[in-house]
Amino acid sequence: MKVFLAGGTGFIGGHLLDGLLANGHEITALVRPSSELPLSRPGLTWLPGEWLAPDTWLPALAGHQAVVHAVGLIRERGEATYEAVQTEVPIRLHAAARDLGVGTVVQISALGAEAGAPSRVLRTKHAADHHRAHAGLHHLSLRPSFGDGRGGHSVWFFEAVAHRPGVPLPGGGRMRVQ
């Protein structure tokens, strides 16, 4: 299957890239033009493009059977706002995928991404999820509470907490965590 992967150099996207290639899929992976390109591998095409300039890369969706959207934002910086990165550009991605006949769109969202969520991070993820669900696409939304593993940044927090004399309860013990 020919898959367009947005976020393929990130933590989750990088693991998805490895798995997709290991299963014989042909991948076009969007990468920031300023990034040093990782090594080339059979079945992989790196496509330099800026997420916030979708007109430069959306036409490349043509001919793909699936799109995996693994772009996320932890901290806003300049034009990279939660609304732009996690709602506005994904909505354009969904429309282009539909118009170009892409068969499936997979979105890496977040647990708690709901309209009334307490944070903009989650509300902007929800807005993209909601649009995709009503865009006439075959779609799947994955909603992890957090990502951890080789190359991740969450493990340092849990290691630090494990050595403290108490157990923190996020949200006073009411926060949903998987």
Foldseek 3Di string as FASTA:
>chain_A
DEEEEEQCVPDVNVVVVVVCVVVPYQYEYEDAPPDDDDDDDPSYHYDHDDLLPCVRPLVVLAPAQEYEYDDADDDDDVPRDLQRGQAVSLLVSLLSCVVRVRAEYEYEAAPQLDCPGPDSRSVSNVNSVVSNVVSPHHYHYHHANDDDDVPDDCVVVVVVQVPDPDHDQVPNVPDDHD
